[in-house]
């Protein structure tokens, strides 16, 4: 699935969610939700890497990553950002900066 299709499908799920909950999620709520999901991902990774002893399934890493993507798609949709186009452009800029030595220690 490409970014545009994922964003479209995420938006459809979000509309259903908002109808069921009778509330609209604004960007600041989406960002707060994403911060929570990043915390859950961090915890799942710490467990996976042996820094925490709680038994968690690998699926929680996958679920957390996908929940974060969902929030990113919703924020991008709110601001009219075409992630398929913009992400590729940003990756190209990052590669150029790396190639130019911007991030090297020397």
N, C-alpha and C. Protein backbone atom coordinates (compact mmCIF):
# COMPACT_ATOMS: atom_id res chain seq x y z
N UNK A 1 0.85 -1.17 0.00
CA UNK A 1 0.00 0.00 0.00
C UNK A 1 0.90 1.24 0.00
N UNK A 2 0.62 2.19 -0.87
CA UNK A 2 1.42 3.41 -0.89
C UNK A 2 0.88 4.43 0.10
N UNK A 3 1.62 5.52 0.29
CA UNK A 3 1.23 6.53 1.27
C UNK A 3 -0.15 7.10 0.98
N UNK A 4 -0.43 7.42 -0.27
CA UNK A 4 -1.71 8.04 -0.61
C UNK A 4 -2.87 7.11 -0.26
N UNK A 5 -2.73 5.84 -0.60
CA UNK A 5 -3.78 4.87 -0.29
C UNK A 5 -3.91 4.67 1.22
N UNK A 6 -2.77 4.58 1.91
CA UNK A 6 -2.80 4.41 3.37
C UNK A 6 -3.44 5.61 4.04
N UNK A 7 -3.13 6.80 3.55
CA UNK A 7 -3.71 8.01 4.13
C UNK A 7 -5.22 8.04 3.89
N UNK A 8 -5.65 7.65 2.69
CA UNK A 8 -7.07 7.62 2.37
C UNK A 8 -7.82 6.61 3.25
N UNK A 9 -7.26 5.40 3.39
CA UNK A 9 -7.90 4.38 4.21
C UNK A 9 -7.91 4.78 5.68
N UNK A 10 -6.82 5.39 6.14
CA UNK A 10 -6.76 5.87 7.53
C UNK A 10 -7.82 6.93 7.78
N UNK A 11 -8.00 7.81 6.82
CA UNK A 11 -9.00 8.86 6.95
C UNK A 11 -10.40 8.26 7.06
N UNK A 12 -10.68 7.21 6.28
CA UNK A 12 -11.99 6.55 6.34
C UNK A 12 -12.21 5.92 7.72
N UNK A 13 -11.19 5.28 8.26
CA UNK A 13 -11.30 4.68 9.60
C UNK A 13 -11.50 5.79 10.63
N UNK A 14 -10.77 6.88 10.49
CA UNK A 14 -10.89 7.99 11.44
C UNK A 14 -12.29 8.60 11.42
N UNK A 15 -12.88 8.72 10.23
CA UNK A 15 -14.26 9.25 10.15
C UNK A 15 -15.23 8.34 10.91
N UNK A 16 -15.07 7.02 10.75
CA UNK A 16 -15.92 6.08 11.48
C UNK A 16 -15.71 6.23 12.98
N UNK A 17 -14.46 6.38 13.39
CA UNK A 17 -14.13 6.55 14.80
C UNK A 17 -14.80 7.81 15.35
N UNK A 18 -14.69 8.91 14.60
CA UNK A 18 -15.26 10.17 15.08
C UNK A 18 -16.79 10.08 15.16
N UNK A 19 -17.41 9.38 14.22
CA UNK A 19 -18.87 9.21 14.27
C UNK A 19 -19.27 8.36 15.48
N UNK A 20 -18.52 7.31 15.73
CA UNK A 20 -18.83 6.44 16.87
C UNK A 20 -18.63 7.17 18.19
N UNK A 21 -17.60 7.98 18.27
CA UNK A 21 -17.28 8.69 19.52
C UNK A 21 -17.96 10.06 19.60
N UNK A 22 -18.57 10.49 18.50
CA UNK A 22 -19.25 11.79 18.42
C UNK A 22 -18.32 12.94 18.81
N UNK A 23 -17.09 12.86 18.31
CA UNK A 23 -16.12 13.94 18.55
C UNK A 23 -15.12 13.98 17.40
N UNK A 24 -14.60 15.17 17.16
CA UNK A 24 -13.60 15.35 16.12
C UNK A 24 -12.22 15.47 16.76
N UNK A 25 -11.27 14.72 16.22
CA UNK A 25 -9.91 14.80 16.72
C UNK A 25 -9.17 15.90 15.96
N UNK A 26 -8.73 16.89 16.68
CA UNK A 26 -7.94 17.99 16.12
C UNK A 26 -6.47 17.59 16.15
N UNK A 27 -5.60 18.31 15.43
CA UNK A 27 -4.18 17.95 15.38
C UNK A 27 -3.51 17.85 16.76
N UNK A 28 -3.90 18.73 17.68
CA UNK A 28 -3.26 18.68 19.00
C UNK A 28 -3.63 17.40 19.75
N UNK A 29 -4.83 16.87 19.52
CA UNK A 29 -5.23 15.60 20.14
C UNK A 29 -4.50 14.45 19.46
N UNK A 30 -4.39 14.52 18.13
CA UNK A 30 -3.67 13.48 17.39
C UNK A 30 -2.21 13.43 17.83
N UNK A 31 -1.61 14.60 18.02
CA UNK A 31 -0.21 14.65 18.45
C UNK A 31 -0.05 14.07 19.86
N UNK A 32 -0.98 14.38 20.74
CA UNK A 32 -0.94 13.83 22.09
C UNK A 32 -1.10 12.31 22.05
N UNK A 33 -2.01 11.83 21.21
CA UNK A 33 -2.20 10.39 21.06
C UNK A 33 -0.93 9.75 20.52
N UNK A 34 -0.29 10.41 19.54
CA UNK A 34 0.94 9.87 18.97
C UNK A 34 2.04 9.80 20.03
N UNK A 35 2.12 10.81 20.90
CA UNK A 35 3.12 10.79 21.97
C UNK A 35 2.90 9.58 22.88
N UNK A 36 1.64 9.28 23.18
CA UNK A 36 1.32 8.11 23.99
C UNK A 36 1.77 6.83 23.28
N UNK A 37 1.50 6.76 21.98
CA UNK A 37 1.88 5.58 21.21
C UNK A 37 3.40 5.43 21.14
N UNK A 38 4.13 6.54 21.04
CA UNK A 38 5.59 6.48 21.03
C UNK A 38 6.09 5.92 22.37
N UNK A 39 5.44 6.31 23.46
CA UNK A 39 5.79 5.75 24.77
C UNK A 39 5.55 4.25 24.83
N UNK A 40 4.43 3.81 24.27
CA UNK A 40 4.14 2.37 24.24
C UNK A 40 5.16 1.63 23.40
N UNK A 41 5.56 2.23 22.28
CA UNK A 41 6.59 1.62 21.43
C UNK A 41 7.91 1.54 22.18
N UNK A 42 8.26 2.61 22.87
CA UNK A 42 9.51 2.62 23.64
C UNK A 42 9.50 1.51 24.69
N UNK A 43 8.40 1.37 25.38
CA UNK A 43 8.30 0.32 26.39
C UNK A 43 8.42 -1.07 25.76
N UNK A 44 7.74 -1.27 24.64
CA UNK A 44 7.79 -2.57 23.97
C UNK A 44 9.21 -2.89 23.50
N UNK A 45 9.93 -1.89 23.02
CA UNK A 45 11.31 -2.10 22.57
C UNK A 45 12.21 -2.40 23.77
N UNK A 46 12.02 -1.69 24.88
CA UNK A 46 12.81 -1.97 26.08
C UNK A 46 12.59 -3.39 26.58
N UNK A 47 11.34 -3.85 26.51
CA UNK A 47 11.04 -5.22 26.89
C UNK A 47 11.71 -6.18 25.92
N UNK A 48 11.57 -5.91 24.63
CA UNK A 48 12.14 -6.77 23.60
C UNK A 48 13.65 -6.89 23.73
N UNK A 49 14.30 -5.80 24.11
CA UNK A 49 15.76 -5.77 24.20
C UNK A 49 16.27 -6.22 25.58
N UNK A 50 15.34 -6.58 26.47
CA UNK A 50 15.72 -7.14 27.76
C UNK A 50 15.96 -6.12 28.86
N UNK A 51 15.64 -4.87 28.63
CA UNK A 51 15.83 -3.85 29.65
C UNK A 51 14.67 -3.80 30.64
N UNK A 52 13.56 -4.39 30.25
CA UNK A 52 12.41 -4.51 31.15
C UNK A 52 11.98 -5.97 31.12
N UNK A 53 11.49 -6.45 32.26
CA UNK A 53 11.20 -7.87 32.36
C UNK A 53 9.76 -8.25 32.04
N UNK A 54 8.88 -7.28 31.88
CA UNK A 54 7.48 -7.59 31.59
C UNK A 54 7.38 -8.37 30.27
N UNK A 55 6.61 -9.45 30.29
CA UNK A 55 6.45 -10.24 29.08
C UNK A 55 5.45 -9.57 28.14
N UNK A 56 5.97 -9.07 27.03
CA UNK A 56 5.11 -8.44 26.02
C UNK A 56 5.34 -9.14 24.70
N UNK A 57 4.32 -9.17 23.89
CA UNK A 57 4.43 -9.83 22.60
C UNK A 57 5.02 -8.87 21.58
N UNK A 58 5.71 -9.41 20.59
CA UNK A 58 6.27 -8.61 19.50
C UNK A 58 5.17 -7.83 18.78
N UNK A 59 3.96 -8.36 18.78
CA UNK A 59 2.84 -7.69 18.12
C UNK A 59 2.64 -6.28 18.67
N UNK A 60 3.02 -6.05 19.92
CA UNK A 60 2.85 -4.72 20.49
C UNK A 60 3.77 -3.71 19.82
N UNK A 61 4.94 -4.16 19.36
CA UNK A 61 5.83 -3.27 18.60
C UNK A 61 5.16 -2.92 17.28
N UNK A 62 4.64 -3.94 16.62
CA UNK A 62 3.97 -3.72 15.33
C UNK A 62 2.76 -2.81 15.51
N UNK A 63 1.92 -3.09 16.51
CA UNK A 63 0.73 -2.27 16.75
C UNK A 63 1.11 -0.83 17.05
N UNK A 64 2.14 -0.63 17.86
CA UNK A 64 2.55 0.73 18.22
C UNK A 64 3.06 1.48 16.99
N UNK A 65 3.87 0.82 16.17
CA UNK A 65 4.36 1.47 14.95
C UNK A 65 3.20 1.87 14.04
N UNK A 66 2.24 0.97 13.89
CA UNK A 66 1.09 1.27 13.02
C UNK A 66 0.20 2.36 13.62
N UNK A 67 0.04 2.37 14.93
CA UNK A 67 -0.73 3.44 15.58
C UNK A 67 -0.07 4.80 15.36
N UNK A 68 1.25 4.83 15.43
CA UNK A 68 1.99 6.08 15.19
C UNK A 68 1.79 6.52 13.73
N UNK A 69 1.88 5.57 12.81
CA UNK A 69 1.66 5.91 11.40
C UNK A 69 0.26 6.47 11.19
N UNK A 70 -0.73 5.87 11.84
CA UNK A 70 -2.11 6.34 11.72
C UNK A 70 -2.19 7.81 12.13
N UNK A 71 -1.61 8.14 13.27
CA UNK A 71 -1.63 9.53 13.74
C UNK A 71 -0.90 10.45 12.76
N UNK A 72 0.21 10.00 12.23
CA UNK A 72 0.94 10.81 11.25
C UNK A 72 0.09 11.05 10.01
N UNK A 73 -0.58 10.00 9.53
CA UNK A 73 -1.45 10.17 8.36
C UNK A 73 -2.57 11.16 8.64
N UNK A 74 -3.15 11.11 9.83
CA UNK A 74 -4.24 12.01 10.17
C UNK A 74 -3.76 13.46 10.29
N UNK A 75 -2.61 13.66 10.87
CA UNK A 75 -2.06 15.01 10.97
C UNK A 75 -1.72 15.53 9.57
N UNK A 76 -1.11 14.68 8.75
CA UNK A 76 -0.78 15.07 7.38
C UNK A 76 -2.05 15.43 6.60
N UNK A 77 -3.09 14.62 6.78
CA UNK A 77 -4.35 14.89 6.09
C UNK A 77 -4.93 16.23 6.52
N UNK A 78 -4.89 16.51 7.80
CA UNK A 78 -5.42 17.78 8.31
C UNK A 78 -4.73 18.97 7.66
N UNK A 79 -3.41 18.85 7.48
CA UNK A 79 -2.64 19.96 6.90
C UNK A 79 -2.47 19.86 5.39
N UNK A 80 -3.09 18.85 4.77
CA UNK A 80 -3.03 18.72 3.32
C UNK A 80 -1.66 18.34 2.79
N UNK A 81 -0.92 17.56 3.56
CA UNK A 81 0.43 17.15 3.16
C UNK A 81 0.35 15.83 2.39
N UNK A 82 0.92 15.81 1.20
CA UNK A 82 1.03 14.59 0.40
C UNK A 82 2.30 13.87 0.84
N UNK A 83 2.16 12.91 1.75
CA UNK A 83 3.33 12.23 2.31
C UNK A 83 4.12 11.47 1.26
N UNK A 84 3.46 10.91 0.28
CA UNK A 84 4.16 10.17 -0.77
C UNK A 84 5.15 11.06 -1.50
N UNK A 85 4.75 12.26 -1.81
CA UNK A 85 5.63 13.20 -2.50
C UNK A 85 6.66 13.80 -1.54
N UNK A 86 6.19 14.28 -0.41
CA UNK A 86 7.06 15.01 0.52
C UNK A 86 8.10 14.13 1.20
N UNK A 87 7.74 12.90 1.54
CA UNK A 87 8.69 12.03 2.22
C UNK A 87 9.86 11.69 1.29
N UNK A 88 9.54 11.40 0.04
CA UNK A 88 10.60 11.13 -0.94
C UNK A 88 11.52 12.34 -1.11
N UNK A 89 10.95 13.54 -1.13
CA UNK A 89 11.74 14.77 -1.26
C UNK A 89 12.64 14.95 -0.05
N UNK A 90 12.11 14.72 1.16
CA UNK A 90 12.89 14.88 2.38
C UNK A 90 14.00 13.83 2.45
N UNK A 91 13.72 12.59 2.03
CA UNK A 91 14.77 11.56 2.01
C UNK A 91 15.92 11.97 1.09
N UNK A 92 15.58 12.55 -0.06
CA UNK A 92 16.60 13.00 -1.01
C UNK A 92 17.46 14.09 -0.37
N UNK A 93 16.82 15.03 0.30
CA UNK A 93 17.56 16.12 0.97
C UNK A 93 18.47 15.55 2.05
N UNK A 94 17.95 14.61 2.83
CA UNK A 94 18.76 14.00 3.89
C UNK A 94 19.98 13.29 3.30
N UNK A 95 19.78 12.54 2.22
CA UNK A 95 20.89 11.83 1.58
C UNK A 95 21.94 12.82 1.07
N UNK A 96 21.50 13.93 0.51
CA UNK A 96 22.43 14.96 0.03
C UNK A 96 23.22 15.57 1.19
N UNK A 97 22.55 15.80 2.31
CA UNK A 97 23.23 16.36 3.48
C UNK A 97 24.26 15.37 4.03
N UNK A 98 23.91 14.09 4.06
CA UNK A 98 24.84 13.06 4.52
C UNK A 98 26.04 13.00 3.58
N UNK A 99 25.77 12.97 2.28
CA UNK A 99 26.84 12.90 1.28
C UNK A 99 27.75 14.11 1.34
N UNK A 100 27.22 15.25 1.71
CA UNK A 100 28.04 16.47 1.79
C UNK A 100 28.90 16.51 3.04
N UNK A 101 28.70 15.54 3.96
CA UNK A 101 29.50 15.48 5.16
C UNK A 101 28.94 16.25 6.33
N UNK A 102 27.72 16.75 6.20
CA UNK A 102 27.12 17.58 7.25
C UNK A 102 27.04 16.86 8.61
N UNK A 103 26.90 15.55 8.58
CA UNK A 103 26.71 14.82 9.84
C UNK A 103 27.95 14.07 10.31
N UNK A 104 29.06 14.24 9.60
CA UNK A 104 30.27 13.52 10.02
C UNK A 104 30.94 14.22 11.19
N UNK A 105 31.66 13.46 11.98
CA UNK A 105 32.32 14.00 13.17
C UNK A 105 33.61 14.75 12.85
N UNK A 106 34.12 14.57 11.66
CA UNK A 106 35.41 15.21 11.34
C UNK A 106 35.26 16.59 10.78
